[in-house]
All heavy atoms as atom14 arrays in JSON, in Angstrom:
{
  "sequence": "AAELERVSRRPGASVVDVLAADHGAGHLLSALWHHCWSGAVEID",
  "atom14_mask": [
    [1, 1, 1, 1, 1, 0, 0, 0, 0, 0, 0, 0, 0, 0],
    [1, 1, 1, 1, 1, 0, 0, 0, 0, 0, 0, 0, 0, 0],
    [1, 1, 1, 1, 1, 1, 1, 1, 1, 0, 0, 0, 0, 0],
    [1, 1, 1, 1, 1, 1, 1, 1, 0, 0, 0, 0, 0, 0],
    [1, 1, 1, 1, 1, 1, 1, 1, 1, 0, 0, 0, 0, 0],
    [1, 1, 1, 1, 1, 1, 1, 1, 1, 1, 1, 0, 0, 0],
    [1, 1, 1, 1, 1, 1, 1, 0, 0, 0, 0, 0, 0, 0],
    [1, 1, 1, 1, 1, 1, 0, 0, 0, 0, 0, 0, 0, 0],
    [1, 1, 1, 1, 1, 1, 1, 1, 1, 1, 1, 0, 0, 0],
    [1, 1, 1, 1, 1, 1, 1, 1, 1, 1, 1, 0, 0, 0],
    [1, 1, 1, 1, 1, 1, 1, 0, 0, 0, 0, 0, 0, 0],
    [1, 1, 1, 1, 0, 0, 0, 0, 0, 0, 0, 0, 0, 0],
    [1, 1, 1, 1, 1, 0, 0, 0, 0, 0, 0, 0, 0, 0],
    [1, 1, 1, 1, 1, 1, 0, 0, 0, 0, 0, 0, 0, 0],
    [1, 1, 1, 1, 1, 1, 1, 0, 0, 0, 0, 0, 0, 0],
    [1, 1, 1, 1, 1, 1, 1, 0, 0, 0, 0, 0, 0, 0],
    [1, 1, 1, 1, 1, 1, 1, 1, 0, 0, 0, 0, 0, 0],
    [1, 1, 1, 1, 1, 1, 1, 0, 0, 0, 0, 0, 0, 0],
    [1, 1, 1, 1, 1, 1, 1, 1, 0, 0, 0, 0, 0, 0],
    [1, 1, 1, 1, 1, 0, 0, 0, 0, 0, 0, 0, 0, 0],
    [1, 1, 1, 1, 1, 0, 0, 0, 0, 0, 0, 0, 0, 0],
    [1, 1, 1, 1, 1, 1, 1, 1, 0, 0, 0, 0, 0, 0],
    [1, 1, 1, 1, 1, 1, 1, 1, 1, 1, 0, 0, 0, 0],
    [1, 1, 1, 1, 0, 0, 0, 0, 0, 0, 0, 0, 0, 0],
    [1, 1, 1, 1, 1, 0, 0, 0, 0, 0, 0, 0, 0, 0],
    [1, 1, 1, 1, 0, 0, 0, 0, 0, 0, 0, 0, 0, 0],
    [1, 1, 1, 1, 1, 1, 1, 1, 1, 1, 0, 0, 0, 0],
    [1, 1, 1, 1, 1, 1, 1, 1, 0, 0, 0, 0, 0, 0],
    [1, 1, 1, 1, 1, 1, 1, 1, 0, 0, 0, 0, 0, 0],
    [1, 1, 1, 1, 1, 1, 0, 0, 0, 0, 0, 0, 0, 0],
    [1, 1, 1, 1, 1, 0, 0, 0, 0, 0, 0, 0, 0, 0],
    [1, 1, 1, 1, 1, 1, 1, 1, 0, 0, 0, 0, 0, 0],
    [1, 1, 1, 1, 1, 1, 1, 1, 1, 1, 1, 1, 1, 1],
    [1, 1, 1, 1, 1, 1, 1, 1, 1, 1, 0, 0, 0, 0],
    [1, 1, 1, 1, 1, 1, 1, 1, 1, 1, 0, 0, 0, 0],
    [1, 1, 1, 1, 1, 1, 0, 0, 0, 0, 0, 0, 0, 0],
    [1, 1, 1, 1, 1, 1, 1, 1, 1, 1, 1, 1, 1, 1],
    [1, 1, 1, 1, 1, 1, 0, 0, 0, 0, 0, 0, 0, 0],
    [1, 1, 1, 1, 0, 0, 0, 0, 0, 0, 0, 0, 0, 0],
    [1, 1, 1, 1, 1, 0, 0, 0, 0, 0, 0, 0, 0, 0],
    [1, 1, 1, 1, 1, 1, 1, 0, 0, 0, 0, 0, 0, 0],
    [1, 1, 1, 1, 1, 1, 1, 1, 1, 0, 0, 0, 0, 0],
    [1, 1, 1, 1, 1, 1, 1, 1, 0, 0, 0, 0, 0, 0],
    [1, 1, 1, 1, 1, 1, 1, 1, 0, 0, 0, 0, 0, 0]
  ],
  "atom14_positions": [
    [[1.72, -3.5, 7.81], [0.34, -3.8, 7.43], [-0.64, -2.74, 7.92], [-1.56, -2.33, 7.19], [-0.06, -5.18, 7.96], [0.0, 0.0, 0.0], [0.0, 0.0, 0.0], [0.0, 0.0, 0.0], [0.0, 0.0, 0.0], [0.0, 0.0, 0.0], [0.0, 0.0, 0.0], [0.0, 0.0, 0.0], [0.0, 0.0, 0.0], [0.0, 0.0, 0.0]],
    [[-0.49, -2.27, 9.18], [-1.42, -1.29, 9.74], [-1.37, 0.02, 8.95], [-2.42, 0.61, 8.64], [-1.1, -1.05, 11.21], [0.0, 0.0, 0.0], [0.0, 0.0, 0.0], [0.0, 0.0, 0.0], [0.0, 0.0, 0.0], [0.0, 0.0, 0.0], [0.0, 0.0, 0.0], [0.0, 0.0, 0.0], [0.0, 0.0, 0.0], [0.0, 0.0, 0.0]],
    [[-0.17, 0.48, 8.63], [-0.03, 1.72, 7.86], [-0.55, 1.54, 6.44], [-1.21, 2.43, 5.88], [1.42, 2.17, 7.83], [1.62, 3.54, 7.19], [3.05, 4.03, 7.26], [3.92, 3.24, 7.71], [3.3, 5.18, 6.87], [0.0, 0.0, 0.0], [0.0, 0.0, 0.0], [0.0, 0.0, 0.0], [0.0, 0.0, 0.0], [0.0, 0.0, 0.0]],
    [[-0.27, 0.38, 5.87], [-0.76, 0.11, 4.52], [-2.28, 0.05, 4.49], [-2.91, 0.56, 3.55], [-0.19, -1.23, 4.03], [-0.51, -1.63, 2.6], [0.01, -0.59, 1.62], [0.1, -3.0, 2.29], [0.0, 0.0, 0.0], [0.0, 0.0, 0.0], [0.0, 0.0, 0.0], [0.0, 0.0, 0.0], [0.0, 0.0, 0.0], [0.0, 0.0, 0.0]],
    [[-2.88, -0.53, 5.51], [-4.35, -0.57, 5.59], [-4.91, 0.84, 5.68], [-5.89, 1.18, 5.01], [-4.79, -1.39, 6.79], [-6.31, -1.44, 6.94], [-6.78, -2.26, 8.13], [-5.92, -2.82, 8.84], [-8.01, -2.33, 8.34], [0.0, 0.0, 0.0], [0.0, 0.0, 0.0], [0.0, 0.0, 0.0], [0.0, 0.0, 0.0], [0.0, 0.0, 0.0]],
    [[-4.28, 1.68, 6.51], [-4.76, 3.06, 6.66], [-4.72, 3.81, 5.32], [-5.67, 4.49, 4.95], [-3.9, 3.79, 7.7], [-4.27, 5.25, 7.9], [-3.36, 5.89, 8.92], [-1.95, 5.83, 8.54], [-1.39, 6.67, 7.66], [-2.12, 7.62, 7.08], [-0.11, 6.55, 7.36], [0.0, 0.0, 0.0], [0.0, 0.0, 0.0], [0.0, 0.0, 0.0]],
    [[-3.62, 3.64, 4.59], [-3.47, 4.33, 3.31], [-4.45, 3.8, 2.28], [-5.11, 4.56, 1.56], [-2.02, 4.19, 2.8], [-1.9, 4.74, 1.37], [-1.05, 4.91, 3.73], [0.0, 0.0, 0.0], [0.0, 0.0, 0.0], [0.0, 0.0, 0.0], [0.0, 0.0, 0.0], [0.0, 0.0, 0.0], [0.0, 0.0, 0.0], [0.0, 0.0, 0.0]],
    [[-4.58, 2.48, 2.19], [-5.4, 1.89, 1.13], [-6.89, 1.99, 1.4], [-7.7, 1.72, 0.51], [-5.0, 0.42, 0.91], [-5.17, -0.33, 2.1], [0.0, 0.0, 0.0], [0.0, 0.0, 0.0], [0.0, 0.0, 0.0], [0.0, 0.0, 0.0], [0.0, 0.0, 0.0], [0.0, 0.0, 0.0], [0.0, 0.0, 0.0], [0.0, 0.0, 0.0]],
    [[-7.27, 2.37, 2.62], [-8.69, 2.57, 2.91], [-9.17, 3.97, 2.53], [-10.38, 4.23, 2.54], [-8.97, 2.33, 4.41], [-9.08, 0.86, 4.8], [-9.46, 0.75, 6.27], [-9.62, -0.62, 6.69], [-10.73, -1.33, 6.55], [-11.8, -0.78, 5.96], [-10.81, -2.57, 6.97], [0.0, 0.0, 0.0], [0.0, 0.0, 0.0], [0.0, 0.0, 0.0]],
    [[-8.26, 4.86, 2.2], [-8.67, 6.21, 1.81], [-9.48, 6.16, 0.52], [-9.17, 5.39, -0.4], [-7.44, 7.09, 1.59], [-6.59, 7.36, 2.82], [-5.33, 8.09, 2.42], [-4.42, 8.29, 3.54], [-3.18, 8.73, 3.4], [-2.69, 8.98, 2.19], [-2.41, 8.88, 4.47], [0.0, 0.0, 0.0], [0.0, 0.0, 0.0], [0.0, 0.0, 0.0]],
    [[-10.51, 7.0, 0.42], [-11.28, 7.05, -0.84], [-10.37, 7.41, -2.02], [-9.59, 8.36, -1.95], [-12.31, 8.16, -0.58], [-12.46, 8.19, 0.91], [-11.08, 7.87, 1.45], [0.0, 0.0, 0.0], [0.0, 0.0, 0.0], [0.0, 0.0, 0.0], [0.0, 0.0, 0.0], [0.0, 0.0, 0.0], [0.0, 0.0, 0.0], [0.0, 0.0, 0.0]],
    [[-10.45, 6.63, -3.06], [-9.63, 6.9, -4.25], [-8.16, 6.59, -4.07], [-7.32, 7.09, -4.84], [0.0, 0.0, 0.0], [0.0, 0.0, 0.0], [0.0, 0.0, 0.0], [0.0, 0.0, 0.0], [0.0, 0.0, 0.0], [0.0, 0.0, 0.0], [0.0, 0.0, 0.0], [0.0, 0.0, 0.0], [0.0, 0.0, 0.0], [0.0, 0.0, 0.0]],
    [[-7.8, 5.76, -3.11], [-6.39, 5.44, -2.85], [-5.75, 4.76, -4.06], [-6.39, 3.98, -4.77], [-6.26, 4.55, -1.62], [0.0, 0.0, 0.0], [0.0, 0.0, 0.0], [0.0, 0.0, 0.0], [0.0, 0.0, 0.0], [0.0, 0.0, 0.0], [0.0, 0.0, 0.0], [0.0, 0.0, 0.0], [0.0, 0.0, 0.0], [0.0, 0.0, 0.0]],
    [[-4.48, 5.08, -4.27], [-3.74, 4.46, -5.38], [-2.3, 4.2, -4.95], [-1.9, 4.56, -3.84], [-3.76, 5.37, -6.62], [-3.08, 6.58, -6.34], [0.0, 0.0, 0.0], [0.0, 0.0, 0.0], [0.0, 0.0, 0.0], [0.0, 0.0, 0.0], [0.0, 0.0, 0.0], [0.0, 0.0, 0.0], [0.0, 0.0, 0.0], [0.0, 0.0, 0.0]],
    [[-1.53, 3.62, -5.84], [-0.15, 3.29, -5.54], [0.64, 4.53, -5.16], [1.53, 4.48, -4.29], [0.51, 2.57, -6.73], [2.01, 2.37, -6.51], [-0.16, 1.22, -6.98], [0.0, 0.0, 0.0], [0.0, 0.0, 0.0], [0.0, 0.0, 0.0], [0.0, 0.0, 0.0], [0.0, 0.0, 0.0], [0.0, 0.0, 0.0], [0.0, 0.0, 0.0]],
    [[0.33, 5.67, -5.76], [1.07, 6.9, -5.47], [0.93, 7.3, -4.01], [1.86, 7.88, -3.42], [0.62, 8.05, -6.4], [-0.76, 8.56, -6.02], [1.64, 9.18, -6.4], [0.0, 0.0, 0.0], [0.0, 0.0, 0.0], [0.0, 0.0, 0.0], [0.0, 0.0, 0.0], [0.0, 0.0, 0.0], [0.0, 0.0, 0.0], [0.0, 0.0, 0.0]],
    [[-0.19, 6.96, -3.37], [-0.36, 7.26, -1.95], [0.57, 6.41, -1.09], [1.07, 6.87, -0.06], [-1.81, 7.03, -1.54], [-2.78, 7.96, -2.24], [-2.57, 9.19, -2.17], [-3.72, 7.47, -2.88], [0.0, 0.0, 0.0], [0.0, 0.0, 0.0], [0.0, 0.0, 0.0], [0.0, 0.0, 0.0], [0.0, 0.0, 0.0], [0.0, 0.0, 0.0]],
    [[0.8, 5.19, -1.51], [1.75, 4.32, -0.81], [3.16, 4.86, -0.98], [3.96, 4.88, -0.03], [1.66, 2.87, -1.32], [2.69, 1.98, -0.63], [0.26, 2.32, -1.1], [0.0, 0.0, 0.0], [0.0, 0.0, 0.0], [0.0, 0.0, 0.0], [0.0, 0.0, 0.0], [0.0, 0.0, 0.0], [0.0, 0.0, 0.0], [0.0, 0.0, 0.0]],
    [[3.49, 5.32, -2.17], [4.81, 5.9, -2.42], [5.04, 7.12, -1.54], [6.14, 7.3, -0.99], [4.93, 6.3, -3.9], [5.03, 5.15, -4.91], [4.88, 5.68, -6.33], [6.37, 4.44, -4.76], [0.0, 0.0, 0.0], [0.0, 0.0, 0.0], [0.0, 0.0, 0.0], [0.0, 0.0, 0.0], [0.0, 0.0, 0.0], [0.0, 0.0, 0.0]],
    [[4.01, 7.93, -1.38], [4.14, 9.13, -0.55], [4.33, 8.77, 0.91], [5.11, 9.41, 1.63], [2.9, 10.01, -0.72], [0.0, 0.0, 0.0], [0.0, 0.0, 0.0], [0.0, 0.0, 0.0], [0.0, 0.0, 0.0], [0.0, 0.0, 0.0], [0.0, 0.0, 0.0], [0.0, 0.0, 0.0], [0.0, 0.0, 0.0], [0.0, 0.0, 0.0]],
    [[3.64, 7.74, 1.38], [3.74, 7.33, 2.78], [5.01, 6.54, 3.05], [5.42, 6.4, 4.21], [2.51, 6.5, 3.16], [0.0, 0.0, 0.0], [0.0, 0.0, 0.0], [0.0, 0.0, 0.0], [0.0, 0.0, 0.0], [0.0, 0.0, 0.0], [0.0, 0.0, 0.0], [0.0, 0.0, 0.0], [0.0, 0.0, 0.0], [0.0, 0.0, 0.0]],
    [[5.64, 6.03, 2.02], [6.82, 5.19, 2.16], [8.07, 6.0, 2.53], [8.99, 5.47, 3.15], [7.06, 4.43, 0.86], [8.17, 3.4, 0.96], [7.88, 2.28, 1.4], [9.32, 3.74, 0.62], [0.0, 0.0, 0.0], [0.0, 0.0, 0.0], [0.0, 0.0, 0.0], [0.0, 0.0, 0.0], [0.0, 0.0, 0.0], [0.0, 0.0, 0.0]],
    [[8.11, 7.26, 2.12], [9.24, 8.16, 2.42], [10.56, 7.64, 1.86], [11.63, 7.93, 2.4], [9.37, 8.39, 3.93], [8.13, 8.93, 4.58], [7.56, 10.14, 4.23], [7.33, 8.4, 5.55], [6.48, 10.36, 4.95], [6.3, 9.31, 5.75], [0.0, 0.0, 0.0], [0.0, 0.0, 0.0], [0.0, 0.0, 0.0], [0.0, 0.0, 0.0]],
    [[10.47, 6.85, 0.8], [11.68, 6.39, 0.14], [12.37, 5.21, 0.78], [13.4, 4.74, 0.29], [0.0, 0.0, 0.0], [0.0, 0.0, 0.0], [0.0, 0.0, 0.0], [0.0, 0.0, 0.0], [0.0, 0.0, 0.0], [0.0, 0.0, 0.0], [0.0, 0.0, 0.0], [0.0, 0.0, 0.0], [0.0, 0.0, 0.0], [0.0, 0.0, 0.0]],
    [[11.82, 4.68, 1.88], [12.46, 3.56, 2.57], [12.24, 2.24, 1.83], [13.06, 1.33, 1.94], [11.95, 3.46, 4.0], [0.0, 0.0, 0.0], [0.0, 0.0, 0.0], [0.0, 0.0, 0.0], [0.0, 0.0, 0.0], [0.0, 0.0, 0.0], [0.0, 0.0, 0.0], [0.0, 0.0, 0.0], [0.0, 0.0, 0.0], [0.0, 0.0, 0.0]],
    [[11.12, 2.13, 1.13], [10.84, 0.92, 0.37], [10.07, -0.14, 1.13], [9.55, -1.09, 0.53], [0.0, 0.0, 0.0], [0.0, 0.0, 0.0], [0.0, 0.0, 0.0], [0.0, 0.0, 0.0], [0.0, 0.0, 0.0], [0.0, 0.0, 0.0], [0.0, 0.0, 0.0], [0.0, 0.0, 0.0], [0.0, 0.0, 0.0], [0.0, 0.0, 0.0]],
    [[9.96, 0.0, 2.47], [9.31, -1.05, 3.26], [7.82, -1.13, 2.97], [7.26, -2.22, 2.84], [9.53, -0.8, 4.76], [8.74, 0.34, 5.31], [9.03, 1.67, 5.0], [7.66, 0.37, 6.13], [8.17, 2.45, 5.61], [7.33, 1.7, 6.3], [0.0, 0.0, 0.0], [0.0, 0.0, 0.0], [0.0, 0.0, 0.0], [0.0, 0.0, 0.0]],
    [[7.18, 0.04, 2.82], [5.73, 0.05, 2.61], [5.38, -0.39, 1.18], [4.4, -1.08, 0.95], [5.16, 1.44, 2.88], [3.66, 1.52, 3.15], [3.28, 0.69, 4.37], [3.21, 2.96, 3.34], [0.0, 0.0, 0.0], [0.0, 0.0, 0.0], [0.0, 0.0, 0.0], [0.0, 0.0, 0.0], [0.0, 0.0, 0.0], [0.0, 0.0, 0.0]],
    [[6.22, -0.01, 0.24], [5.98, -0.38, -1.16], [6.11, -1.88, -1.36], [5.28, -2.51, -2.02], [6.94, 0.37, -2.08], [6.69, 0.19, -3.58], [5.31, 0.68, -3.98], [7.77, 0.93, -4.38], [0.0, 0.0, 0.0], [0.0, 0.0, 0.0], [0.0, 0.0, 0.0], [0.0, 0.0, 0.0], [0.0, 0.0, 0.0], [0.0, 0.0, 0.0]],
    [[7.15, -2.48, -0.79], [7.31, -3.93, -0.93], [6.18, -4.67, -0.2], [5.71, -5.71, -0.67], [8.67, -4.38, -0.41], [8.8, -4.13, 0.98], [0.0, 0.0, 0.0], [0.0, 0.0, 0.0], [0.0, 0.0, 0.0], [0.0, 0.0, 0.0], [0.0, 0.0, 0.0], [0.0, 0.0, 0.0], [0.0, 0.0, 0.0], [0.0, 0.0, 0.0]],
    [[5.74, -4.1, 0.94], [4.61, -4.7, 1.65], [3.33, -4.62, 0.82], [2.51, -5.54, 0.84], [4.4, -4.01, 2.99], [0.0, 0.0, 0.0], [0.0, 0.0, 0.0], [0.0, 0.0, 0.0], [0.0, 0.0, 0.0], [0.0, 0.0, 0.0], [0.0, 0.0, 0.0], [0.0, 0.0, 0.0], [0.0, 0.0, 0.0], [0.0, 0.0, 0.0]],
    [[3.19, -3.53, 0.06], [2.02, -3.4, -0.82], [1.97, -4.55, -1.81], [0.94, -5.21, -1.97], [2.09, -2.07, -1.59], [1.1, -1.95, -2.77], [-0.34, -1.91, -2.26], [1.42, -0.71, -3.61], [0.0, 0.0, 0.0], [0.0, 0.0, 0.0], [0.0, 0.0, 0.0], [0.0, 0.0, 0.0], [0.0, 0.0, 0.0], [0.0, 0.0, 0.0]],
    [[3.09, -4.84, -2.48], [3.09, -5.9, -3.5], [2.87, -7.26, -2.87], [2.19, -8.12, -3.45], [4.39, -5.87, -4.29], [4.64, -4.58, -4.99], [5.77, -3.81, -4.93], [3.74, -3.88, -5.86], [5.61, -2.69, -5.7], [4.37, -2.7, -6.28], [2.44, -4.12, -6.31], [3.79, -1.78, -7.14], [1.83, -3.2, -7.17], [2.5, -2.05, -7.57]],
    [[3.41, -7.46, -1.66], [3.16, -8.73, -0.97], [1.68, -8.9, -0.67], [1.1, -9.98, -0.9], [3.95, -8.79, 0.34], [3.59, -9.97, 1.2], [4.01, -11.25, 0.92], [2.8, -10.06, 2.31], [3.52, -12.08, 1.83], [2.79, -11.39, 2.68], [0.0, 0.0, 0.0], [0.0, 0.0, 0.0], [0.0, 0.0, 0.0], [0.0, 0.0, 0.0]],
    [[1.05, -7.85, -0.17], [-0.37, -7.95, 0.18], [-1.27, -7.97, -1.05], [-2.39, -8.48, -0.99], [-0.75, -6.83, 1.14], [-0.18, -7.0, 2.51], [-0.51, -8.06, 3.33], [0.74, -6.27, 3.21], [0.15, -7.97, 4.47], [0.91, -6.9, 4.43], [0.0, 0.0, 0.0], [0.0, 0.0, 0.0], [0.0, 0.0, 0.0], [0.0, 0.0, 0.0]],
    [[-0.77, -7.44, -2.17], [-1.51, -7.61, -3.44], [-1.46, -9.07, -3.85], [-2.45, -9.62, -4.36], [-0.9, -6.73, -4.53], [-1.28, -4.98, -4.38], [0.0, 0.0, 0.0], [0.0, 0.0, 0.0], [0.0, 0.0, 0.0], [0.0, 0.0, 0.0], [0.0, 0.0, 0.0], [0.0, 0.0, 0.0], [0.0, 0.0, 0.0], [0.0, 0.0, 0.0]],
    [[-0.3, -9.7, -3.65], [-0.2, -11.13, -3.97], [-1.12, -11.95, -3.07], [-1.82, -12.86, -3.55], [1.25, -11.61, -3.81], [1.38, -13.09, -4.0], [1.47, -13.76, -5.19], [1.37, -14.09, -2.98], [1.53, -15.11, -4.97], [1.46, -15.35, -3.61], [1.29, -14.05, -1.59], [1.48, -16.54, -2.93], [1.32, -15.25, -0.88], [1.41, -16.47, -1.55]],
    [[-1.15, -11.67, -1.79], [-1.94, -12.46, -0.85], [-3.44, -12.19, -0.96], [-4.25, -12.98, -0.5], [-1.5, -12.18, 0.59], [-1.9, -10.88, 1.0], [0.0, 0.0, 0.0], [0.0, 0.0, 0.0], [0.0, 0.0, 0.0], [0.0, 0.0, 0.0], [0.0, 0.0, 0.0], [0.0, 0.0, 0.0], [0.0, 0.0, 0.0], [0.0, 0.0, 0.0]],
    [[-3.79, -11.04, -1.57], [-5.2, -10.69, -1.7], [-5.69, -9.76, -0.62], [-6.86, -9.34, -0.64], [0.0, 0.0, 0.0], [0.0, 0.0, 0.0], [0.0, 0.0, 0.0], [0.0, 0.0, 0.0], [0.0, 0.0, 0.0], [0.0, 0.0, 0.0], [0.0, 0.0, 0.0], [0.0, 0.0, 0.0], [0.0, 0.0, 0.0], [0.0, 0.0, 0.0]],
    [[-4.84, -9.4, 0.35], [-5.25, -8.47, 1.4], [-5.51, -7.08, 0.83], [-6.36, -6.34, 1.33], [-4.18, -8.39, 2.49], [0.0, 0.0, 0.0], [0.0, 0.0, 0.0], [0.0, 0.0, 0.0], [0.0, 0.0, 0.0], [0.0, 0.0, 0.0], [0.0, 0.0, 0.0], [0.0, 0.0, 0.0], [0.0, 0.0, 0.0], [0.0, 0.0, 0.0]],
    [[-4.78, -6.74, -0.23], [-5.01, -5.49, -0.95], [-5.53, -5.83, -2.34], [-4.94, -6.64, -3.06], [-3.73, -4.66, -1.07], [-3.95, -3.45, -1.97], [-3.26, -4.2, 0.31], [0.0, 0.0, 0.0], [0.0, 0.0, 0.0], [0.0, 0.0, 0.0], [0.0, 0.0, 0.0], [0.0, 0.0, 0.0], [0.0, 0.0, 0.0], [0.0, 0.0, 0.0]],
    [[-6.63, -5.23, -2.71], [-7.21, -5.45, -4.04], [-6.59, -4.48, -5.04], [-6.48, -3.29, -4.77], [-8.72, -5.24, -4.0], [-9.46, -6.27, -3.15], [-10.95, -5.96, -3.06], [-11.33, -4.79, -3.31], [-11.72, -6.88, -2.73], [0.0, 0.0, 0.0], [0.0, 0.0, 0.0], [0.0, 0.0, 0.0], [0.0, 0.0, 0.0], [0.0, 0.0, 0.0]],
    [[-6.15, -5.04, -6.16], [-5.62, -4.23, -7.26], [-5.95, -4.98, -8.55], [-5.95, -6.21, -8.57], [-4.11, -4.01, -7.1], [-3.6, -2.94, -8.06], [-3.34, -5.31, -7.27], [-2.18, -2.45, -7.73], [0.0, 0.0, 0.0], [0.0, 0.0, 0.0], [0.0, 0.0, 0.0], [0.0, 0.0, 0.0], [0.0, 0.0, 0.0], [0.0, 0.0, 0.0]],
    [[-6.27, -4.27, -9.6], [-6.68, -4.91, -10.85], [-5.45, -5.37, -11.63], [-4.76, -4.55, -12.24], [-7.51, -3.93, -11.69], [-8.22, -4.62, -12.85], [-7.85, -5.76, -13.19], [-9.16, -4.01, -13.41], [0.0, 0.0, 0.0], [0.0, 0.0, 0.0], [0.0, 0.0, 0.0], [0.0, 0.0, 0.0], [0.0, 0.0, 0.0], [0.0, 0.0, 0.0]]
  ]
}
């Protein structure tokens, strides 16, 4: 969550920034979708 918050607070942040920070492990990307579901991360 802390890393995801740091990434998603960047101006103009998008999913590709999460992919870059994930380093292929998948943990950050799956956390992104969870927090999109919960509303912690806003996405249209």
